[in-house]
Protein backbone atom coordinates (compact mmCIF):
# COMPACT_ATOMS: atom_id res chain seq x y z
CA MET A 1 115.36 58.86 167.96
CA SER A 2 111.88 57.89 168.99
CA THR A 3 109.75 55.52 166.59
CA LEU A 4 107.47 58.50 165.98
CA GLY A 5 110.54 60.78 164.75
CA LYS A 6 111.44 57.62 162.79
CA VAL A 7 108.49 57.33 161.06
CA LEU A 8 108.21 60.88 159.99
CA LEU A 9 111.17 61.02 158.93
CA GLY A 10 110.54 57.81 156.41
CA VAL A 11 107.32 59.72 155.36
CA GLY A 12 109.16 62.94 154.62
CA ALA A 13 111.58 60.89 152.36
CA LEU A 14 108.97 59.14 150.99
CA VAL A 15 107.08 62.36 149.79
CA VAL A 16 110.47 63.77 148.66
CA VAL A 17 110.99 60.64 146.28
CA LEU A 18 107.47 60.96 145.07
CA LEU A 19 107.91 64.89 144.30
CA VAL A 20 110.97 63.93 141.97
CA VAL A 21 109.35 61.18 140.45
CA ALA A 22 106.46 63.31 139.50
CA ALA A 23 107.95 66.25 138.77
CA ALA A 24 110.51 63.49 136.22
CA LEU A 25 106.93 62.20 135.01
CA ALA A 26 105.64 65.95 133.84
CA ALA A 27 108.55 66.79 132.28
CA ILE A 28 108.38 63.54 130.22
CA LEU A 29 105.04 64.35 129.38
CA ALA A 30 105.36 67.56 128.56
CA GLU A 31 108.35 66.67 125.81
CA SER A 32 106.45 64.24 124.50
CA ALA A 33 102.78 65.36 123.37
CA THR A 34 100.99 65.60 120.01
CA VAL A 35 100.99 69.35 118.78
CA ALA A 36 99.12 71.15 116.15
CA ALA A 37 100.86 71.61 113.27
CA GLY A 38 100.17 75.53 113.93
CA SER A 39 102.09 75.48 117.06
CA ILE A 40 105.20 74.31 115.95
CA GLU A 41 108.11 76.21 117.34
CA ARG A 42 112.29 76.09 116.39
CA GLY A 43 114.17 73.96 118.36
CA GLU A 44 111.16 70.87 118.68
CA CYS A 45 111.85 67.68 117.06
CA PHE A 46 109.19 65.13 115.90
CA ALA A 47 108.77 61.22 116.71
CA ASP A 48 108.12 60.21 112.89
CA PHE A 49 108.43 60.71 109.15
CA THR A 50 105.33 59.55 107.97
CA GLN A 51 103.11 62.31 110.07
CA PHE A 52 104.58 64.80 107.71
CA GLU A 53 104.10 62.97 104.61
CA THR A 54 101.55 64.35 102.21
CA ASP A 55 99.66 63.38 99.58
CA ALA A 56 101.48 63.12 95.82
CA THR A 57 99.37 65.77 94.29
CA GLY A 58 100.58 68.11 97.34
CA THR A 59 97.39 68.73 98.81
CA GLY A 60 97.51 66.67 102.38
CA GLU A 61 97.27 68.87 105.10
CA VAL A 62 99.41 68.19 108.59
CA THR A 63 97.43 68.85 111.42
CA SER A 64 98.90 67.26 114.25
CA VAL A 65 102.45 66.18 115.18
CA ASP A 66 103.76 63.59 117.73
CA ARG A 67 106.94 65.92 119.47
CA ILE A 68 109.51 64.12 121.59
CA ASP A 69 112.39 65.50 123.35
CA CYS A 70 115.33 65.53 121.12
CA ALA A 71 117.61 64.39 123.72
CA GLU A 72 115.93 60.89 122.34
CA ALA A 73 115.77 58.71 118.91
CA HIS A 74 113.86 61.47 116.74
CA ALA A 75 113.23 62.17 112.52
CA LEU A 76 112.75 65.33 112.19
CA GLU A 77 113.75 68.71 114.01
CA ALA A 78 112.12 72.21 113.27
CA TYR A 79 115.25 74.80 112.40
CA TYR A 80 112.94 77.69 111.07
CA VAL A 81 109.91 79.12 111.78
CA GLY A 82 108.84 82.47 111.04
CA PRO A 83 107.43 84.20 107.52
CA ALA A 84 108.64 83.77 104.46
CA TYR A 85 105.29 84.74 102.29
CA GLU A 86 105.05 88.76 102.92
CA SER A 87 105.41 89.58 99.22
CA TYR A 88 101.89 87.83 98.15
CA ASP A 89 98.59 89.57 98.94
CA PHE A 90 96.68 86.69 97.89
CA TYR A 91 97.41 82.78 97.71
CA PRO A 92 100.07 82.59 95.16
CA GLY A 93 99.48 78.45 94.74
CA VAL A 94 100.74 75.34 95.60
CA GLU A 95 103.67 75.59 93.18
CA GLU A 96 104.54 78.92 93.97
CA ILE A 97 104.46 78.16 97.56
CA ASP A 98 106.38 75.18 97.42
CA ASP A 99 109.37 77.04 95.32
CA VAL A 100 109.62 80.06 97.68
CA ALA A 101 109.97 77.19 100.84
CA ILE A 102 112.53 74.75 98.90
CA THR A 103 114.27 78.21 98.69
CA SER A 104 114.12 79.13 102.00
CA CYS A 105 114.45 76.23 103.75
CA ARG A 106 117.54 75.25 101.49
CA GLN A 107 119.62 78.34 102.38
CA ARG A 108 118.55 78.06 106.24
CA PHE A 109 119.18 74.56 106.15
CA GLU A 110 123.41 75.33 105.23
CA ARG A 111 123.44 77.60 108.01
CA PHE A 112 121.74 75.91 110.59
CA VAL A 113 123.74 72.49 109.78
CA ASP A 114 126.73 74.37 108.86
CA PHE A 115 127.31 71.75 105.31
CA ASP A 116 126.10 72.16 101.85
CA TRP A 117 122.94 70.36 101.53
CA GLU A 118 124.33 69.12 97.96
CA PHE A 119 126.72 67.09 99.83
CA SER A 120 125.04 66.52 103.26
CA GLU A 121 123.74 63.28 104.68
CA LEU A 122 120.72 65.43 106.25
CA ASP A 123 118.03 66.84 104.06
CA PHE A 124 115.19 69.31 104.84
CA TRP A 125 110.99 69.00 104.80
CA TRP A 126 108.53 72.00 104.94
CA LEU A 127 105.09 72.93 106.03
CA THR A 128 103.52 75.79 104.10
CA PRO A 129 100.37 77.25 104.57
CA THR A 130 97.10 75.59 102.84
CA PRO A 131 94.67 77.79 101.02
CA SER A 132 92.16 77.64 104.00
CA GLY A 133 95.16 78.21 106.12
CA TRP A 134 95.83 81.42 104.24
CA ASP A 135 92.63 82.98 104.56
CA GLN A 136 93.02 82.97 107.89
CA GLY A 137 95.93 84.54 107.89
CA ASP A 138 98.43 82.07 108.47
CA ARG A 139 101.76 82.92 106.23
CA GLU A 140 104.30 80.78 108.15
CA LEU A 141 106.81 78.49 106.88
CA VAL A 142 108.54 75.83 108.97
CA CYS A 143 111.47 73.92 107.77
CA LEU A 144 112.62 70.49 109.30
CA VAL A 145 115.79 68.67 108.83
CA GLY A 146 116.28 64.97 109.22
CA ASP A 147 118.85 62.36 108.08
CA PHE A 148 118.60 61.81 104.36
CA ASP A 149 117.69 58.02 104.69
CA LYS A 150 115.07 58.77 107.08
CA GLU A 151 116.80 56.83 109.76
CA LEU A 152 116.22 58.35 113.39
CA VAL A 153 119.02 60.84 115.14
CA VAL A 154 119.76 61.90 118.93
CA GLY A 155 119.96 65.42 119.64
CA THR A 156 120.04 68.52 118.10
CA LEU A 157 121.33 68.62 114.09
CA GLU A 158 122.29 72.44 114.54
CA ASN A 159 126.13 72.79 113.53
CA ALA A 160 126.00 69.15 112.51
CA GLY A 161 128.13 69.43 110.06
CA ARG A 162 127.57 66.67 107.82
């Protein structure tokens, strides 16, 4: 093989390596991103518990969270995102919103994890519509599962059985 052929072959191999690295980097960046709380989807995982905490009055608002690949150590996984407040025409208040969330998330938790919540090592958290979000048409409930002691987990908790 000529020197020119060897150089072209080497350059071609380098281009392939760079394309593979670029694709891997793009996949990592796509999986680790800050997303709006209103765009959370079922099956997504999130890096940090503190991003989901609100103040004791229940008036705190979660606006964005750091999404992470579920194969990495993470705090929470969204196991339900969908309607839960169809029977309400007007915002029913924080207490009623939370009562519906607790009941709905607990039932879905037990089906998702395949274990009774009372005896589980896992727990659930939730995000509900704010009064201003409600006025803009937000009626979605987001249920999240994570370790009861707030330890990070790796992989999905679906069918964890614990």
